[in-house]
Amino acid sequence: MEQQQQVTGISKEQEMFALIAELESCDMSVKDFCELYDMAQGTYYYWQKKYHASREESKGKEAQSSFTLLEVSDLEQEVVEEGLLAEYKGVKFYREPSVSFLKALIN
């Protein structure tokens, strides 16, 4: 089996996870499945536990993603006042303010 893994390039984990997924998709008993693949039932249950832990971990990572889904839709653009450059907290700028003016606003 080890030589077969080297030839195909599949890791032991990938192979076992594929077997676990295969058994869960069919109606074969664990005993029959283990006999078919010449595997101890204890080995099967060990890998089944790792398989489910891995799936839960990947679900958790998806839920903890720092990205937020952004939905873009066609909304009517707000009518901008003629000549308005910027507006911040109710303050409207119709032309570019000087740096000294902005410093005075901050203080």
Protein backbone atom coordinates (compact mmCIF):
# COMPACT_ATOMS: atom_id res chain seq x y z
CA MET A 1 0.00 0.00 0.00
CA GLU A 2 2.91 2.37 0.79
CA GLN A 3 4.43 1.85 -2.65
CA GLN A 4 1.05 2.52 -4.22
CA GLN A 5 0.85 5.84 -2.32
CA GLN A 6 4.29 6.85 -3.61
CA VAL A 7 3.32 6.02 -7.19
CA THR A 8 0.00 7.89 -7.09
CA GLY A 9 1.26 10.78 -4.92
CA ILE A 10 -1.68 10.46 -2.52
CA SER A 11 -1.00 10.89 1.18
CA LYS A 12 -2.21 8.37 3.74
CA GLU A 13 -4.63 10.98 5.08
CA GLN A 14 -6.12 11.67 1.65
CA GLU A 15 -6.49 7.95 0.99
CA MET A 16 -8.17 7.25 4.32
CA PHE A 17 -10.47 10.27 4.04
CA ALA A 18 -11.56 9.05 0.61
CA LEU A 19 -12.31 5.62 2.09
CA ILE A 20 -14.31 7.15 4.97
CA ALA A 21 -16.34 9.24 2.53
CA GLU A 22 -16.91 6.15 0.38
CA LEU A 23 -18.27 4.11 3.29
CA GLU A 24 -20.52 6.94 4.44
CA SER A 25 -22.05 7.13 0.97
CA CYS A 26 -22.89 3.42 0.77
CA ASP A 27 -24.90 1.06 2.95
CA MET A 28 -22.09 -1.39 3.78
CA SER A 29 -21.31 -2.24 7.40
CA VAL A 30 -18.01 -1.12 8.92
CA LYS A 31 -17.02 -4.74 9.50
CA ASP A 32 -17.58 -5.71 5.84
CA PHE A 33 -15.89 -2.54 4.61
CA CYS A 34 -12.82 -3.17 6.77
CA GLU A 35 -12.61 -6.78 5.56
CA LEU A 36 -12.85 -5.59 1.96
CA TYR A 37 -9.94 -3.17 2.38
CA ASP A 38 -7.98 -5.42 4.79
CA MET A 39 -8.15 -2.83 7.56
CA ALA A 40 -8.67 -3.16 11.32
CA GLN A 41 -11.90 -1.65 12.60
CA GLY A 42 -9.91 0.35 15.15
CA THR A 43 -7.94 1.92 12.31
CA TYR A 44 -11.16 2.80 10.54
CA TYR A 45 -12.63 4.49 13.60
CA TYR A 46 -9.37 6.38 14.25
CA TRP A 47 -9.41 7.82 10.73
CA GLN A 48 -13.18 8.46 10.87
CA LYS A 49 -12.64 10.63 13.95
CA LYS A 50 -9.86 12.57 12.19
CA TYR A 51 -12.02 12.91 9.07
CA HIS A 52 -14.95 14.44 10.95
CA ALA A 53 -12.64 16.69 13.01
CA SER A 54 -11.05 17.93 9.79
CA ARG A 55 -14.46 18.69 8.26
CA GLU A 56 -15.60 20.57 11.39
CA GLU A 57 -12.35 22.55 11.40
CA SER A 58 -12.78 23.57 7.77
CA LYS A 59 -16.38 24.63 8.47
CA GLY A 60 -15.15 26.70 11.42
CA LYS A 61 -12.56 28.41 9.25
CA GLU A 62 -15.21 29.33 6.72
CA ALA A 63 -17.40 30.79 9.46
CA GLN A 64 -14.49 32.76 10.96
CA SER A 65 -13.38 34.28 7.69
CA SER A 66 -12.49 37.94 7.93
CA PHE A 67 -14.10 38.57 4.58
CA THR A 68 -17.65 39.78 4.27
CA LEU A 69 -19.90 38.98 1.37
CA LEU A 70 -20.63 42.16 -0.53
CA GLU A 71 -23.74 42.26 -2.61
CA VAL A 72 -23.77 44.86 -5.35
CA SER A 73 -27.06 45.98 -6.73
CA ASP A 74 -28.24 48.74 -9.01
CA LEU A 75 -29.26 51.49 -6.65
CA GLU A 76 -30.25 54.92 -7.72
CA GLN A 77 -27.34 57.29 -7.27
CA GLU A 78 -27.91 60.05 -4.80
CA VAL A 79 -28.24 63.44 -6.36
CA VAL A 80 -25.06 65.29 -5.49
CA GLU A 81 -25.28 69.01 -5.02
CA GLU A 82 -23.65 70.94 -7.85
CA GLY A 83 -19.99 71.64 -7.09
CA LEU A 84 -19.88 69.61 -3.87
CA LEU A 85 -16.36 68.19 -3.40
CA ALA A 86 -16.82 66.23 -0.17
CA GLU A 87 -18.99 65.94 2.92
CA TYR A 88 -17.93 64.61 6.30
CA LYS A 89 -20.14 64.53 9.40
CA GLY A 90 -22.38 67.25 8.05
CA VAL A 91 -19.53 69.52 6.93
CA LYS A 92 -19.68 70.18 3.20
CA PHE A 93 -16.65 71.17 1.15
CA TYR A 94 -17.25 72.85 -2.18
CA ARG A 95 -13.55 73.32 -2.91
CA GLU A 96 -10.32 71.82 -1.62
CA PRO A 97 -9.61 73.23 1.86
CA SER A 98 -6.15 74.31 2.94
CA VAL A 99 -4.11 72.13 5.25
CA SER A 100 -4.16 74.77 8.00
CA PHE A 101 -7.98 74.85 7.84
CA LEU A 102 -8.18 71.05 8.22
CA LYS A 103 -5.75 71.13 11.16
CA ALA A 104 -7.93 73.78 12.82
CA LEU A 105 -11.01 71.54 12.36
CA ILE A 106 -9.26 68.58 13.95
CA ASN A 107 -8.16 70.55 17.01
